[in-house]
PDB file of N, CA and C in Angstrom:
ATOM      1  N   MET A   1      -6.259  41.140 -29.724  1.00  0.00           N
ATOM      2  CA  MET A   1      -6.685  42.251 -29.380  1.00  0.00           C
ATOM      3  C   MET A   1      -6.717  42.566 -27.852  1.00  0.00           C
ATOM      4  N   GLN A   2      -6.382  43.708 -27.639  1.00  0.00           N
ATOM      5  CA  GLN A   2      -6.298  43.991 -26.078  1.00  0.00           C
ATOM      6  C   GLN A   2      -7.491  44.727 -25.814  1.00  0.00           C
ATOM      7  N   THR A   3      -8.027  44.651 -24.462  1.00  0.00           N
ATOM      8  CA  THR A   3      -9.317  45.110 -24.134  1.00  0.00           C
ATOM      9  C   THR A   3      -8.821  45.491 -22.585  1.00  0.00           C
ATOM     10  N   LYS A   4      -9.551  46.598 -22.317  1.00  0.00           N
ATOM     11  CA  LYS A   4      -9.318  47.310 -20.987  1.00  0.00           C
ATOM     12  C   LYS A   4      -9.950  46.415 -19.989  1.00  0.00           C
ATOM     13  N   LEU A   5      -9.468  46.359 -18.736  1.00  0.00           N
ATOM     14  CA  LEU A   5     -10.147  45.781 -17.639  1.00  0.00           C
ATOM     15  C   LEU A   5     -10.007  46.656 -16.462  1.00  0.00           C
ATOM     16  N   THR A   6     -11.311  46.781 -15.553  1.00  0.00           N
ATOM     17  CA  THR A   6     -11.039  47.414 -14.657  1.00  0.00           C
ATOM     18  C   THR A   6     -11.243  46.815 -13.335  1.00  0.00           C
ATOM     19  N   LEU A   7     -10.255  46.864 -12.344  1.00  0.00           N
ATOM     20  CA  LEU A   7     -10.509  46.052 -11.219  1.00  0.00           C
ATOM     21  C   LEU A   7     -10.464  47.162  -9.986  1.00  0.00           C
ATOM     22  N   ARG A   8     -11.383  46.641  -9.091  1.00  0.00           N
ATOM     23  CA  ARG A   8     -11.601  47.336  -7.956  1.00  0.00           C
ATOM     24  C   ARG A   8     -10.841  46.737  -6.683  1.00  0.00           C
ATOM     25  N   LEU A   9      -9.863  47.527  -6.124  1.00  0.00           N
ATOM     26  CA  LEU A   9      -8.992  46.844  -5.271  1.00  0.00           C
ATOM     27  C   LEU A   9      -8.906  47.864  -4.004  1.00  0.00           C
ATOM     28  N   ASP A  10      -8.461  47.166  -2.830  1.00  0.00           N
ATOM     29  CA  ASP A  10      -8.291  48.348  -1.820  1.00  0.00           C
ATOM     30  C   ASP A  10      -6.872  48.907  -1.965  1.00  0.00           C
ATOM     31  N   ASP A  11      -6.951  50.264  -1.639  1.00  0.00           N
ATOM     32  CA  ASP A  11      -6.015  51.291  -1.570  1.00  0.00           C
ATOM     33  C   ASP A  11      -4.394  50.598  -1.377  1.00  0.00           C
ATOM     34  N   TRP A  12      -4.369  49.917  -0.270  1.00  0.00           N
ATOM     35  CA  TRP A  12      -3.169  49.304   0.110  1.00  0.00           C
ATOM     36  C   TRP A  12      -2.615  48.172  -0.764  1.00  0.00           C
ATOM     37  N   LEU A  13      -3.614  47.561  -1.321  1.00  0.00           N
ATOM     38  CA  LEU A  13      -3.078  46.457  -2.189  1.00  0.00           C
ATOM     39  C   LEU A  13      -2.542  47.121  -3.692  1.00  0.00           C
ATOM     40  N   ILE A  14      -3.246  48.139  -4.019  1.00  0.00           N
ATOM     41  CA  ILE A  14      -2.765  48.829  -5.351  1.00  0.00           C
ATOM     42  C   ILE A  14      -1.355  49.459  -5.066  1.00  0.00           C
ATOM     43  N   ARG A  15      -1.015  50.097  -3.670  1.00  0.00           N
ATOM     44  CA  ARG A  15       0.283  50.646  -3.435  1.00  0.00           C
ATOM     45  C   ARG A  15       1.227  49.399  -3.405  1.00  0.00           C
ATOM     46  N   LYS A  16       0.791  48.362  -2.967  1.00  0.00           N
ATOM     47  CA  LYS A  16       1.670  47.222  -3.031  1.00  0.00           C
ATOM     48  C   LYS A  16       1.922  46.576  -4.509  1.00  0.00           C
ATOM     49  N   ALA A  17       0.917  46.691  -5.333  1.00  0.00           N
ATOM     50  CA  ALA A  17       1.205  46.271  -6.623  1.00  0.00           C
ATOM     51  C   ALA A  17       1.973  47.169  -7.381  1.00  0.00           C
ATOM     52  N   LYS A  18       2.052  48.495  -7.201  1.00  0.00           N
ATOM     53  CA  LYS A  18       2.670  49.345  -7.887  1.00  0.00           C
ATOM     54  C   LYS A  18       4.284  49.470  -7.303  1.00  0.00           C
ATOM     55  N   ARG A  19       4.332  48.994  -5.978  1.00  0.00           N
ATOM     56  CA  ARG A  19       5.850  48.927  -5.533  1.00  0.00           C
ATOM     57  C   ARG A  19       6.465  47.680  -6.230  1.00  0.00           C
ATOM     58  N   PHE A  20       5.734  46.674  -6.451  1.00  0.00           N
ATOM     59  CA  PHE A  20       6.228  45.414  -6.821  1.00  0.00           C
ATOM     60  C   PHE A  20       6.620  45.527  -8.469  1.00  0.00           C
ATOM     61  N   SER A  21       5.650  46.399  -9.194  1.00  0.00           N
ATOM     62  CA  SER A  21       5.838  46.661 -10.510  1.00  0.00           C
ATOM     63  C   SER A  21       7.298  47.558 -10.741  1.00  0.00           C
ATOM     64  N   LYS A  22       7.238  48.559  -9.633  1.00  0.00           N
ATOM     65  CA  LYS A  22       8.562  49.507  -9.812  1.00  0.00           C
ATOM     66  C   LYS A  22       9.808  48.472  -9.744  1.00  0.00           C
ATOM     67  N   LYS A  23       9.697  47.576  -8.621  1.00  0.00           N
ATOM     68  CA  LYS A  23      10.753  46.899  -8.198  1.00  0.00           C
ATOM     69  C   LYS A  23      11.239  45.801  -9.530  1.00  0.00           C
ATOM     70  N   THR A  24      10.219  45.425 -10.101  1.00  0.00           N
ATOM     71  CA  THR A  24      10.488  44.346 -11.134  1.00  0.00           C
ATOM     72  C   THR A  24      10.667  44.851 -12.543  1.00  0.00           C
ATOM     73  N   GLY A  25      10.165  46.140 -12.653  1.00  0.00           N
ATOM     74  CA  GLY A  25      10.372  46.735 -14.021  1.00  0.00           C
ATOM     75  C   GLY A  25       9.106  46.356 -15.070  1.00  0.00           C
ATOM     76  N   LYS A  26       7.937  45.622 -14.409  1.00  0.00           N
ATOM     77  CA  LYS A  26       6.993  45.297 -15.246  1.00  0.00           C
ATOM     78  C   LYS A  26       5.793  46.153 -14.837  1.00  0.00           C
ATOM     79  N   SER A  27       4.857  46.575 -15.788  1.00  0.00           N
ATOM     80  CA  SER A  27       3.817  47.102 -15.516  1.00  0.00           C
ATOM     81  C   SER A  27       2.834  46.426 -14.633  1.00  0.00           C
ATOM     82  N   VAL A  28       1.731  46.965 -14.084  1.00  0.00           N
ATOM     83  CA  VAL A  28       0.932  46.189 -13.096  1.00  0.00           C
ATOM     84  C   VAL A  28       0.038  45.343 -14.280  1.00  0.00           C
ATOM     85  N   SER A  29      -0.123  45.901 -15.379  1.00  0.00           N
ATOM     86  CA  SER A  29      -1.054  45.151 -16.355  1.00  0.00           C
ATOM     87  C   SER A  29      -0.399  43.846 -16.736  1.00  0.00           C
ATOM     88  N   LYS A  30       1.058  44.155 -16.888  1.00  0.00           N
ATOM     89  CA  LYS A  30       1.682  42.750 -17.248  1.00  0.00           C
ATOM     90  C   LYS A  30       1.901  41.890 -16.195  1.00  0.00           C
ATOM     91  N   ILE A  31       1.914  42.263 -14.912  1.00  0.00           N
ATOM     92  CA  ILE A  31       1.847  41.310 -13.819  1.00  0.00           C
ATOM     93  C   ILE A  31       0.567  40.580 -13.648  1.00  0.00           C
ATOM     94  N   VAL A  32      -0.521  41.298 -13.922  1.00  0.00           N
ATOM     95  CA  VAL A  32      -1.715  40.708 -13.795  1.00  0.00           C
ATOM     96  C   VAL A  32      -1.982  39.638 -15.060  1.00  0.00           C
ATOM     97  N   ALA A  33      -1.655  40.194 -16.136  1.00  0.00           N
ATOM     98  CA  ALA A  33      -1.540  39.240 -17.217  1.00  0.00           C
ATOM     99  C   ALA A  33      -0.808  38.083 -17.147  1.00  0.00           C
ATOM    100  N   ASP A  34       0.305  38.105 -16.555  1.00  0.00           N
ATOM    101  CA  ASP A  34       1.054  37.050 -16.362  1.00  0.00           C
ATOM    102  C   ASP A  34       0.428  35.882 -15.406  1.00  0.00           C
ATOM    103  N   TYR A  35      -0.191  36.535 -14.398  1.00  0.00           N
ATOM    104  CA  TYR A  35      -0.973  35.739 -13.357  1.00  0.00           C
ATOM    105  C   TYR A  35      -2.174  35.115 -13.874  1.00  0.00           C
ATOM    106  N   PHE A  36      -2.831  35.901 -14.701  1.00  0.00           N
ATOM    107  CA  PHE A  36      -4.106  35.324 -15.446  1.00  0.00           C
ATOM    108  C   PHE A  36      -3.740  34.100 -16.395  1.00  0.00           C
ATOM    109  N   GLU A  37      -2.420  34.185 -17.002  1.00  0.00           N
ATOM    110  CA  GLU A  37      -1.995  32.989 -18.032  1.00  0.00           C
ATOM    111  C   GLU A  37      -1.750  31.975 -17.243  1.00  0.00           C
ATOM    112  N   LYS A  38      -1.195  31.947 -15.918  1.00  0.00           N
ATOM    113  CA  LYS A  38      -1.155  30.696 -15.043  1.00  0.00           C
ATOM    114  C   LYS A  38      -2.200  30.126 -14.816  1.00  0.00           C
ATOM    115  N   LEU A  39      -3.529  30.783 -14.595  1.00  0.00           N
ATOM    116  CA  LEU A  39      -4.768  30.003 -14.326  1.00  0.00           C
ATOM    117  C   LEU A  39      -4.890  28.918 -14.918  1.00  0.00           C
ATOM    118  N   ASP A  40      -4.770  28.910 -16.423  1.00  0.00           N
ATOM    119  CA  ASP A  40      -5.133  27.855 -17.061  1.00  0.00           C
ATOM    120  C   ASP A  40      -3.811  26.967 -17.587  1.00  0.00           C
ATOM    121  N   ALA A  41      -2.707  27.330 -17.112  1.00  0.00           N
ATOM    122  CA  ALA A  41      -1.613  26.529 -17.300  1.00  0.00           C
ATOM    123  C   ALA A  41      -1.509  25.179 -16.531  1.00  0.00           C
ATOM    124  N   PRO A  42      -1.002  24.061 -17.246  1.00  0.00           N
ATOM    125  CA  PRO A  42      -0.858  22.900 -16.423  1.00  0.00           C
ATOM    126  C   PRO A  42      -0.147  23.027 -15.141  1.00  0.00           C
ATOM    127  N   LEU A  43      -0.259  22.632 -14.116  1.00  0.00           N
ATOM    128  CA  LEU A  43       0.475  22.480 -12.800  1.00  0.00           C
ATOM    129  C   LEU A  43       1.621  21.484 -13.040  1.00  0.00           C
ATOM    130  N   SER A  44       2.958  22.159 -13.268  1.00  0.00           N
ATOM    131  CA  SER A  44       4.074  21.356 -13.749  1.00  0.00           C
ATOM    132  C   SER A  44       4.881  20.976 -12.432  1.00  0.00           C
ATOM    133  N   ASP A  45       4.877  21.787 -11.267  1.00  0.00           N
ATOM    134  CA  ASP A  45       5.518  21.416 -10.098  1.00  0.00           C
ATOM    135  C   ASP A  45       4.747  22.081  -8.965  1.00  0.00           C
ATOM    136  N   GLU A  46       5.297  21.835  -7.602  1.00  0.00           N
ATOM    137  CA  GLU A  46       4.692  22.391  -6.499  1.00  0.00           C
ATOM    138  C   GLU A  46       4.702  24.029  -6.591  1.00  0.00           C
ATOM    139  N   THR A  47       5.644  24.504  -6.911  1.00  0.00           N
ATOM    140  CA  THR A  47       5.715  26.060  -7.028  1.00  0.00           C
ATOM    141  C   THR A  47       4.668  26.999  -7.777  1.00  0.00           C
ATOM    142  N   GLU A  48       4.280  26.202  -8.887  1.00  0.00           N
ATOM    143  CA  GLU A  48       3.339  26.883  -9.784  1.00  0.00           C
ATOM    144  C   GLU A  48       1.760  26.663  -9.227  1.00  0.00           C
ATOM    145  N   LYS A  49       1.544  25.708  -8.241  1.00  0.00           N
ATOM    146  CA  LYS A  49       0.084  25.362  -7.942  1.00  0.00           C
ATOM    147  C   LYS A  49      -0.624  26.865  -7.350  1.00  0.00           C
ATOM    148  N   ILE A  50      -1.804  26.962  -7.696  1.00  0.00           N
ATOM    149  CA  ILE A  50      -2.588  28.177  -7.293  1.00  0.00           C
ATOM    150  C   ILE A  50      -3.378  27.851  -5.934  1.00  0.00           C
ATOM    151  N   THR A  51      -3.825  28.695  -5.149  1.00  0.00           N
ATOM    152  CA  THR A  51      -4.353  28.311  -3.759  1.00  0.00           C
ATOM    153  C   THR A  51      -5.550  27.822  -4.122  1.00  0.00           C
ATOM    154  N   PRO A  52      -6.204  27.234  -3.068  1.00  0.00           N
ATOM    155  CA  PRO A  52      -7.564  26.772  -3.300  1.00  0.00           C
ATOM    156  C   PRO A  52      -8.621  27.979  -3.393  1.00  0.00           C
ATOM    157  N   LYS A  53      -8.250  28.898  -2.739  1.00  0.00           N
ATOM    158  CA  LYS A  53      -9.278  30.106  -2.978  1.00  0.00           C
ATOM    159  C   LYS A  53      -9.342  30.621  -4.274  1.00  0.00           C
ATOM    160  N   VAL A  54      -8.117  30.851  -4.862  1.00  0.00           N
ATOM    161  CA  VAL A  54      -8.009  31.317  -6.489  1.00  0.00           C
ATOM    162  C   VAL A  54      -8.626  30.187  -7.298  1.00  0.00           C
ATOM    163  N   ALA A  55      -8.346  29.130  -6.804  1.00  0.00           N
ATOM    164  CA  ALA A  55      -8.815  28.011  -7.918  1.00  0.00           C
ATOM    165  C   ALA A  55     -10.398  27.827  -7.999  1.00  0.00           C
ATOM    166  N   SER A  56     -10.925  28.230  -6.560  1.00  0.00           N
ATOM    167  CA  SER A  56     -12.496  28.195  -6.703  1.00  0.00           C
ATOM    168  C   SER A  56     -13.041  29.283  -7.614  1.00  0.00           C
ATOM    169  N   LEU A  57     -12.221  30.334  -8.066  1.00  0.00           N
ATOM    170  CA  LEU A  57     -12.865  31.597  -8.716  1.00  0.00           C
ATOM    171  C   LEU A  57     -12.715  31.056 -10.065  1.00  0.00           C
ATOM    172  N   LYS A  58     -12.008  30.164 -10.751  1.00  0.00           N
ATOM    173  CA  LYS A  58     -12.006  29.778 -12.064  1.00  0.00           C
ATOM    174  C   LYS A  58     -13.473  29.376 -12.531  1.00  0.00           C
ATOM    175  N   GLY A  59     -13.898  29.920 -13.533  1.00  0.00           N
ATOM    176  CA  GLY A  59     -15.054  29.684 -14.310  1.00  0.00           C
ATOM    177  C   GLY A  59     -16.242  30.278 -13.616  1.00  0.00           C
ATOM    178  N   ILE A  60     -16.234  31.282 -12.704  1.00  0.00           N
ATOM    179  CA  ILE A  60     -17.174  31.904 -12.028  1.00  0.00           C
ATOM    180  C   ILE A  60     -17.983  32.732 -12.829  1.00  0.00           C
ATOM    181  N   LEU A  61     -17.502  33.312 -13.764  1.00  0.00           N
ATOM    182  CA  LEU A  61     -18.226  34.040 -14.526  1.00  0.00           C
ATOM    183  C   LEU A  61     -19.282  33.471 -15.689  1.00  0.00           C
ATOM    184  N   LYS A  62     -18.680  32.169 -15.917  1.00  0.00           N
ATOM    185  CA  LYS A  62     -19.577  31.369 -16.895  1.00  0.00           C
ATOM    186  C   LYS A  62     -20.944  31.106 -16.316  1.00  0.00           C
ATOM    187  N   ALA A  63     -20.996  31.095 -15.002  1.00  0.00           N
ATOM    188  CA  ALA A  63     -22.340  30.707 -14.337  1.00  0.00           C
ATOM    189  C   ALA A  63     -23.094  31.863 -13.866  1.00  0.00           C
ATOM    190  N   SER A  64     -22.594  33.245 -14.286  1.00  0.00           N
ATOM    191  CA  SER A  64     -23.061  34.361 -14.015  1.00  0.00           C
ATOM    192  C   SER A  64     -24.527  34.683 -14.783  1.00  0.00           C
ATOM    193  N   GLY A  65     -24.513  34.107 -16.050  1.00  0.00           N
ATOM    194  CA  GLY A  65     -25.708  34.220 -16.966  1.00  0.00           C
ATOM    195  C   GLY A  65     -25.595  35.379 -17.873  1.00  0.00           C
ATOM    196  N   VAL A  66     -24.313  36.098 -17.721  1.00  0.00           N
ATOM    197  CA  VAL A  66     -23.989  37.236 -18.524  1.00  0.00           C
ATOM    198  C   VAL A  66     -23.354  36.978 -19.689  1.00  0.00           C
ATOM    199  N   ALA A  67     -23.829  37.131 -20.931  1.00  0.00           N
ATOM    200  CA  ALA A  67     -23.135  36.749 -22.138  1.00  0.00           C
ATOM    201  C   ALA A  67     -21.877  37.509 -22.374  1.00  0.00           C
ATOM    202  N   GLU A  68     -20.877  37.129 -22.829  1.00  0.00           N
ATOM    203  CA  GLU A  68     -19.467  37.572 -23.313  1.00  0.00           C
ATOM    204  C   GLU A  68     -19.557  39.017 -23.903  1.00  0.00           C
ATOM    205  N   GLU A  69     -20.482  38.967 -24.869  1.00  0.00           N
ATOM    206  CA  GLU A  69     -20.824  40.037 -25.881  1.00  0.00           C
ATOM    207  C   GLU A  69     -21.328  41.354 -25.000  1.00  0.00           C
ATOM    208  N   GLU A  70     -22.431  40.779 -24.126  1.00  0.00           N
ATOM    209  CA  GLU A  70     -22.997  41.862 -23.173  1.00  0.00           C
ATOM    210  C   GLU A  70     -22.108  42.515 -22.264  1.00  0.00           C
ATOM    211  N   TYR A  71     -21.136  41.732 -21.693  1.00  0.00           N
ATOM    212  CA  TYR A  71     -20.088  42.406 -20.835  1.00  0.00           C
ATOM    213  C   TYR A  71     -19.287  43.238 -21.636  1.00  0.00           C
ATOM    214  N   HIS A  72     -18.743  42.887 -22.755  1.00  0.00           N
ATOM    215  CA  HIS A  72     -17.923  43.793 -23.691  1.00  0.00           C
ATOM    216  C   HIS A  72     -18.689  45.148 -23.933  1.00  0.00           C
ATOM    217  N   ARG A  73     -19.822  45.074 -24.172  1.00  0.00           N
ATOM    218  CA  ARG A  73     -20.657  46.189 -24.544  1.00  0.00           C
ATOM    219  C   ARG A  73     -20.795  47.176 -23.541  1.00  0.00           C
ATOM    220  N   HIS A  74     -20.753  46.421 -22.125  1.00  0.00           N
ATOM    221  CA  HIS A  74     -21.017  47.273 -21.049  1.00  0.00           C
ATOM    222  C   HIS A  74     -19.722  47.871 -20.538  1.00  0.00           C
ATOM    223  N   LEU A  75     -18.412  47.339 -20.978  1.00  0.00           N
ATOM    224  CA  LEU A  75     -17.261  48.051 -20.654  1.00  0.00           C
ATOM    225  C   LEU A  75     -17.153  48.975 -21.860  1.00  0.00           C
ATOM    226  N   GLU A  76     -17.360  48.716 -22.855  1.00  0.00           N
ATOM    227  CA  GLU A  76     -17.343  49.976 -23.812  1.00  0.00           C
ATOM    228  C   GLU A  76     -17.964  51.100 -23.684  1.00  0.00           C
ATOM    229  N   GLU A  77     -19.218  50.963 -23.092  1.00  0.00           N
ATOM    230  CA  GLU A  77     -20.164  52.083 -22.750  1.00  0.00           C
ATOM    231  C   GLU A  77     -19.544  52.818 -21.482  1.00  0.00           C
ATOM    232  N   LYS A  78     -18.946  52.065 -20.564  1.00  0.00           N
ATOM    233  CA  LYS A  78     -18.404  52.565 -19.243  1.00  0.00           C
ATOM    234  C   LYS A  78     -17.183  53.190 -19.738  1.00  0.00           C
ATOM    235  N   HIS A  79     -16.407  52.926 -20.548  1.00  0.00           N
ATOM    236  CA  HIS A  79     -15.066  53.538 -20.758  1.00  0.00           C
ATOM    237  C   HIS A  79     -14.881  54.562 -21.876  1.00  0.00           C
ATOM    238  N   LEU A  80     -16.098  54.684 -22.660  1.00  0.00           N
ATOM    239  CA  LEU A  80     -16.061  55.611 -23.871  1.00  0.00           C
ATOM    240  C   LEU A  80     -16.590  56.829 -23.580  1.00  0.00           C
TER     241      LEU A  80
END
């Protein structure tokens, strides 16, 4: 099941993502999804390692105290 995700980013970063999207022929959603897939993938070599800053974000929402169902409900109300 696919679910909509809203990201708040600086304008320059959005423009950069759209240029990359056009250059690669992938949608911005696909680029983000591919990146998120790599977050839990085992690191097979040096080129696939994520930065320490990104690694520090893994699991951050689990400690937020917000139940997944509650977050989904919020998204549905926000986008309907």
